[in-house]
Amino acid sequence: MGAGSESVPNLPESPPEAGPLPEVIVQQVQLPAGVAGPTEISFDVRCFVLPVSGGIVLIDTGMGGSAVDINQALERLGAGWGDVSDVVLTHSHADHSLHCRPSGG
């Protein structure tokens, strides 16, 4: 190799096959003035239902009322609550974890 030449790794002839796409659930949250500052705040909260080889991974659980949306996402994937193998909470703020509670709770 000459000066300035770099080794190029062997690349696959075609990109690897992508796995199934997650179902994305979006909830709109509106906080009235005085709750989190002097003005009203409006923002989106997302949770994800991700099919993987060992089941379904639920990433964040959203605010109250998200169970219906999560159930519909599971049904679109041909799955149910019993197929959820893991729940990942990105952090413990209520907009990401409020709907998470122990079974039967």
N, C-alpha and C. Protein backbone atom coordinates (compact mmCIF):
# COMPACT_ATOMS: atom_id res chain seq x y z
N MET A 1 0.84 -1.18 0.00
CA MET A 1 0.00 0.00 0.00
C MET A 1 0.88 1.24 0.00
N GLY A 2 0.46 2.22 -0.78
CA GLY A 2 1.22 3.44 -0.86
C GLY A 2 0.86 4.38 0.27
N ALA A 3 1.59 5.46 0.31
CA ALA A 3 1.33 6.49 1.32
C ALA A 3 -0.10 7.01 1.19
N GLY A 4 -0.79 7.14 2.30
CA GLY A 4 -2.16 7.65 2.31
C GLY A 4 -3.21 6.60 2.01
N SER A 5 -2.80 5.39 1.66
CA SER A 5 -3.78 4.33 1.40
C SER A 5 -4.25 3.74 2.72
N GLU A 6 -5.50 3.39 2.76
CA GLU A 6 -6.07 2.77 3.95
C GLU A 6 -6.64 1.42 3.59
N SER A 7 -6.59 0.53 4.52
CA SER A 7 -7.18 -0.78 4.34
C SER A 7 -8.71 -0.66 4.44
N VAL A 8 -9.40 -1.27 3.50
CA VAL A 8 -10.86 -1.27 3.52
C VAL A 8 -11.33 -2.65 3.94
N PRO A 9 -12.14 -2.75 5.00
CA PRO A 9 -12.59 -4.07 5.44
C PRO A 9 -13.47 -4.71 4.39
N ASN A 10 -13.53 -6.04 4.43
CA ASN A 10 -14.42 -6.76 3.53
C ASN A 10 -15.86 -6.48 3.95
N LEU A 11 -16.62 -5.93 3.04
CA LEU A 11 -18.02 -5.61 3.32
C LEU A 11 -18.90 -6.70 2.75
N PRO A 12 -20.02 -6.98 3.42
CA PRO A 12 -20.93 -7.99 2.86
C PRO A 12 -21.49 -7.51 1.53
N GLU A 13 -21.86 -8.47 0.67
CA GLU A 13 -22.38 -8.11 -0.64
C GLU A 13 -23.74 -7.43 -0.54
N SER A 14 -24.48 -7.73 0.48
CA SER A 14 -25.77 -7.07 0.69
C SER A 14 -25.91 -6.78 2.17
N PRO A 15 -26.67 -5.73 2.51
CA PRO A 15 -26.82 -5.41 3.93
C PRO A 15 -27.57 -6.52 4.65
N PRO A 16 -27.31 -6.67 5.96
CA PRO A 16 -28.04 -7.70 6.71
C PRO A 16 -29.52 -7.37 6.72
N GLU A 17 -30.31 -8.43 6.79
CA GLU A 17 -31.77 -8.26 6.81
C GLU A 17 -32.18 -7.59 8.12
N ALA A 18 -32.98 -6.57 8.00
CA ALA A 18 -33.48 -5.87 9.20
C ALA A 18 -34.54 -6.73 9.87
N GLY A 19 -34.58 -6.65 11.17
CA GLY A 19 -35.61 -7.36 11.92
C GLY A 19 -36.93 -6.62 11.86
N PRO A 20 -37.93 -7.15 12.53
CA PRO A 20 -39.23 -6.48 12.53
C PRO A 20 -39.14 -5.10 13.17
N LEU A 21 -39.94 -4.20 12.67
CA LEU A 21 -39.96 -2.84 13.21
C LEU A 21 -40.79 -2.79 14.48
N PRO A 22 -40.42 -1.93 15.42
CA PRO A 22 -41.22 -1.81 16.63
C PRO A 22 -42.53 -1.07 16.36
N GLU A 23 -43.52 -1.34 17.15
CA GLU A 23 -44.74 -0.55 17.18
C GLU A 23 -44.44 0.65 18.08
N VAL A 24 -44.74 1.84 17.61
CA VAL A 24 -44.47 3.05 18.37
C VAL A 24 -45.79 3.61 18.87
N ILE A 25 -45.87 3.86 20.15
CA ILE A 25 -47.07 4.42 20.78
C ILE A 25 -46.74 5.83 21.22
N VAL A 26 -47.53 6.79 20.78
CA VAL A 26 -47.30 8.19 21.11
C VAL A 26 -48.49 8.71 21.91
N GLN A 27 -48.20 9.28 23.05
CA GLN A 27 -49.23 9.91 23.89
C GLN A 27 -48.92 11.40 23.98
N GLN A 28 -49.94 12.19 23.89
CA GLN A 28 -49.80 13.64 24.05
C GLN A 28 -50.06 13.97 25.52
N VAL A 29 -49.14 14.71 26.13
CA VAL A 29 -49.27 15.11 27.54
C VAL A 29 -49.37 16.63 27.59
N GLN A 30 -50.32 17.12 28.37
CA GLN A 30 -50.46 18.55 28.58
C GLN A 30 -50.47 18.81 30.07
N LEU A 31 -49.54 19.62 30.51
CA LEU A 31 -49.46 20.00 31.92
C LEU A 31 -49.94 21.43 32.06
N PRO A 32 -50.90 21.67 32.92
CA PRO A 32 -51.40 23.05 33.08
C PRO A 32 -50.35 23.96 33.69
N ALA A 33 -50.53 25.23 33.47
CA ALA A 33 -49.63 26.24 34.03
C ALA A 33 -49.55 26.03 35.54
N GLY A 34 -48.35 26.17 36.08
CA GLY A 34 -48.15 26.03 37.52
C GLY A 34 -47.68 24.65 37.93
N VAL A 35 -47.83 23.63 37.08
CA VAL A 35 -47.40 22.28 37.44
C VAL A 35 -45.89 22.12 37.25
N ALA A 36 -45.39 22.55 36.10
CA ALA A 36 -43.96 22.41 35.81
C ALA A 36 -43.37 23.74 35.36
N GLY A 37 -43.95 24.80 35.80
CA GLY A 37 -43.49 26.13 35.41
C GLY A 37 -44.67 27.08 35.28
N PRO A 38 -44.43 28.30 34.92
CA PRO A 38 -45.50 29.30 34.90
C PRO A 38 -46.45 29.18 33.71
N THR A 39 -46.05 28.43 32.67
CA THR A 39 -46.92 28.30 31.49
C THR A 39 -47.29 26.85 31.25
N GLU A 40 -48.36 26.64 30.47
CA GLU A 40 -48.77 25.29 30.09
C GLU A 40 -47.67 24.65 29.25
N ILE A 41 -47.48 23.35 29.45
CA ILE A 41 -46.47 22.61 28.69
C ILE A 41 -47.19 21.46 27.97
N SER A 42 -46.85 21.26 26.71
CA SER A 42 -47.40 20.17 25.92
C SER A 42 -46.24 19.41 25.28
N PHE A 43 -46.27 18.07 25.40
CA PHE A 43 -45.19 17.28 24.82
C PHE A 43 -45.67 15.86 24.53
N ASP A 44 -44.94 15.16 23.68
CA ASP A 44 -45.23 13.77 23.34
C ASP A 44 -44.43 12.83 24.23
N VAL A 45 -45.02 11.70 24.54
CA VAL A 45 -44.35 10.62 25.26
C VAL A 45 -44.47 9.38 24.38
N ARG A 46 -43.39 8.65 24.25
CA ARG A 46 -43.40 7.45 23.41
C ARG A 46 -43.04 6.22 24.22
N CYS A 47 -43.67 5.11 23.85
CA CYS A 47 -43.20 3.81 24.30
C CYS A 47 -43.17 2.92 23.06
N PHE A 48 -42.41 1.85 23.15
CA PHE A 48 -42.15 1.01 21.99
C PHE A 48 -42.42 -0.44 22.34
N VAL A 49 -43.04 -1.16 21.40
CA VAL A 49 -43.28 -2.58 21.53
C VAL A 49 -42.42 -3.24 20.45
N LEU A 50 -41.36 -3.90 20.89
CA LEU A 50 -40.34 -4.41 19.97
C LEU A 50 -40.32 -5.93 19.93
N PRO A 51 -40.67 -6.52 18.78
CA PRO A 51 -40.58 -7.97 18.67
C PRO A 51 -39.12 -8.41 18.54
N VAL A 52 -38.74 -9.40 19.34
CA VAL A 52 -37.39 -9.97 19.28
C VAL A 52 -37.54 -11.49 19.25
N SER A 53 -36.44 -12.18 19.03
CA SER A 53 -36.53 -13.64 18.88
C SER A 53 -37.08 -14.34 20.13
N GLY A 54 -36.86 -13.77 21.31
CA GLY A 54 -37.33 -14.43 22.53
C GLY A 54 -38.66 -13.93 23.05
N GLY A 55 -39.34 -13.06 22.32
CA GLY A 55 -40.63 -12.54 22.79
C GLY A 55 -40.82 -11.10 22.36
N ILE A 56 -41.35 -10.32 23.26
CA ILE A 56 -41.62 -8.90 23.01
C ILE A 56 -40.94 -8.08 24.10
N VAL A 57 -40.24 -7.03 23.69
CA VAL A 57 -39.64 -6.12 24.65
C VAL A 57 -40.47 -4.85 24.63
N LEU A 58 -40.94 -4.44 25.80
CA LEU A 58 -41.68 -3.19 25.96
C LEU A 58 -40.71 -2.16 26.50
N ILE A 59 -40.50 -1.10 25.73
CA ILE A 59 -39.57 -0.04 26.13
C ILE A 59 -40.39 1.14 26.60
N ASP A 60 -40.32 1.41 27.89
CA ASP A 60 -41.14 2.40 28.59
C ASP A 60 -42.60 1.97 28.57
N THR A 61 -43.35 2.45 29.55
CA THR A 61 -44.74 2.01 29.68
C THR A 61 -45.74 3.15 29.57
N GLY A 62 -45.25 4.37 29.47
CA GLY A 62 -46.14 5.50 29.25
C GLY A 62 -46.91 5.93 30.48
N MET A 63 -47.81 6.86 30.23
CA MET A 63 -48.67 7.42 31.27
C MET A 63 -49.91 6.53 31.43
N GLY A 64 -50.79 6.91 32.34
CA GLY A 64 -52.04 6.19 32.51
C GLY A 64 -52.81 6.14 31.20
N GLY A 65 -53.50 5.05 30.97
CA GLY A 65 -54.26 4.89 29.75
C GLY A 65 -53.48 4.26 28.62
N SER A 66 -52.20 4.00 28.81
CA SER A 66 -51.40 3.45 27.71
C SER A 66 -51.63 1.95 27.52
N ALA A 67 -52.23 1.26 28.49
CA ALA A 67 -52.43 -0.18 28.37
C ALA A 67 -53.26 -0.54 27.15
N VAL A 68 -54.27 0.24 26.84
CA VAL A 68 -55.10 -0.03 25.66
C VAL A 68 -54.26 0.08 24.40
N ASP A 69 -53.45 1.15 24.31
CA ASP A 69 -52.60 1.34 23.14
C ASP A 69 -51.55 0.24 23.02
N ILE A 70 -50.97 -0.16 24.15
CA ILE A 70 -49.97 -1.23 24.14
C ILE A 70 -50.63 -2.54 23.70
N ASN A 71 -51.83 -2.80 24.22
CA ASN A 71 -52.55 -4.02 23.84
C ASN A 71 -52.81 -4.05 22.34
N GLN A 72 -53.23 -2.93 21.77
CA GLN A 72 -53.48 -2.86 20.32
C GLN A 72 -52.19 -3.09 19.54
N ALA A 73 -51.08 -2.54 20.02
CA ALA A 73 -49.79 -2.75 19.35
C ALA A 73 -49.39 -4.23 19.41
N LEU A 74 -49.60 -4.85 20.56
CA LEU A 74 -49.32 -6.29 20.69
C LEU A 74 -50.15 -7.09 19.70
N GLU A 75 -51.44 -6.77 19.60
CA GLU A 75 -52.32 -7.48 18.67
C GLU A 75 -51.86 -7.31 17.22
N ARG A 76 -51.42 -6.10 16.85
CA ARG A 76 -50.93 -5.88 15.48
C ARG A 76 -49.71 -6.76 15.19
N LEU A 77 -48.95 -7.09 16.23
CA LEU A 77 -47.78 -7.96 16.07
C LEU A 77 -48.14 -9.43 16.21
N GLY A 78 -49.41 -9.72 16.44
CA GLY A 78 -49.83 -11.11 16.63
C GLY A 78 -49.41 -11.66 17.98
N ALA A 79 -49.29 -10.79 18.97
CA ALA A 79 -48.81 -11.18 20.30
C ALA A 79 -49.80 -10.72 21.36
N GLY A 80 -49.55 -11.13 22.58
CA GLY A 80 -50.35 -10.71 23.73
C GLY A 80 -49.43 -10.37 24.89
N TRP A 81 -50.06 -9.98 25.99
CA TRP A 81 -49.28 -9.59 27.18
C TRP A 81 -48.37 -10.71 27.67
N GLY A 82 -48.79 -11.95 27.50
CA GLY A 82 -47.98 -13.09 27.93
C GLY A 82 -46.70 -13.26 27.13
N ASP A 83 -46.63 -12.61 25.98
CA ASP A 83 -45.43 -12.69 25.14
C ASP A 83 -44.38 -11.66 25.52
N VAL A 84 -44.73 -10.72 26.40
CA VAL A 84 -43.77 -9.70 26.81
C VAL A 84 -42.72 -10.36 27.71
N SER A 85 -41.48 -10.40 27.21
CA SER A 85 -40.40 -11.07 27.94
C SER A 85 -39.61 -10.10 28.80
N ASP A 86 -39.58 -8.83 28.40
CA ASP A 86 -38.78 -7.84 29.11
C ASP A 86 -39.46 -6.48 29.05
N VAL A 87 -39.27 -5.71 30.12
CA VAL A 87 -39.71 -4.31 30.15
C VAL A 87 -38.49 -3.48 30.48
N VAL A 88 -38.20 -2.51 29.62
CA VAL A 88 -37.05 -1.63 29.80
C VAL A 88 -37.59 -0.23 30.08
N LEU A 89 -37.22 0.32 31.23
CA LEU A 89 -37.59 1.70 31.56
C LEU A 89 -36.36 2.56 31.34
N THR A 90 -36.47 3.52 30.42
CA THR A 90 -35.31 4.36 30.12
C THR A 90 -34.94 5.25 31.29
N HIS A 91 -35.94 5.66 32.07
CA HIS A 91 -35.71 6.39 33.32
C HIS A 91 -37.03 6.42 34.09
N SER A 92 -36.98 6.88 35.32
CA SER A 92 -38.13 6.72 36.22
C SER A 92 -39.10 7.90 36.24
N HIS A 93 -39.03 8.80 35.29
CA HIS A 93 -40.03 9.87 35.25
C HIS A 93 -41.40 9.27 34.95
N ALA A 94 -42.44 9.87 35.49
CA ALA A 94 -43.80 9.34 35.36
C ALA A 94 -44.22 9.18 33.91
N ASP A 95 -43.78 10.06 33.02
CA ASP A 95 -44.21 9.95 31.63
C ASP A 95 -43.60 8.74 30.91
N HIS A 96 -42.64 8.07 31.52
CA HIS A 96 -42.04 6.88 30.94
C HIS A 96 -42.36 5.61 31.73
N SER A 97 -42.78 5.75 32.99
CA SER A 97 -42.91 4.55 33.83
C SER A 97 -44.19 4.49 34.65
N LEU A 98 -45.09 5.45 34.51
CA LEU A 98 -46.27 5.50 35.38
C LEU A 98 -47.13 4.24 35.24
N HIS A 99 -47.20 3.70 34.04
CA HIS A 99 -48.07 2.54 33.83
C HIS A 99 -47.41 1.23 34.25
N CYS A 100 -46.17 1.25 34.67
CA CYS A 100 -45.48 0.03 35.07
C CYS A 100 -45.85 -0.32 36.51
N ARG A 101 -46.37 -1.51 36.68
CA ARG A 101 -46.69 -1.97 38.04
C ARG A 101 -46.63 -3.48 38.06
N PRO A 102 -46.44 -4.07 39.23
CA PRO A 102 -46.35 -5.52 39.31
C PRO A 102 -47.64 -6.19 38.85
N SER A 103 -47.51 -7.41 38.38
CA SER A 103 -48.66 -8.20 37.95
C SER A 103 -49.70 -8.28 39.06
N GLY A 104 -50.93 -8.06 38.69
CA GLY A 104 -52.03 -8.12 39.67
C GLY A 104 -52.18 -6.86 40.48
N GLY A 105 -51.34 -5.85 40.20
CA GLY A 105 -51.38 -4.61 40.99
C GLY A 105 -52.32 -3.59 40.47
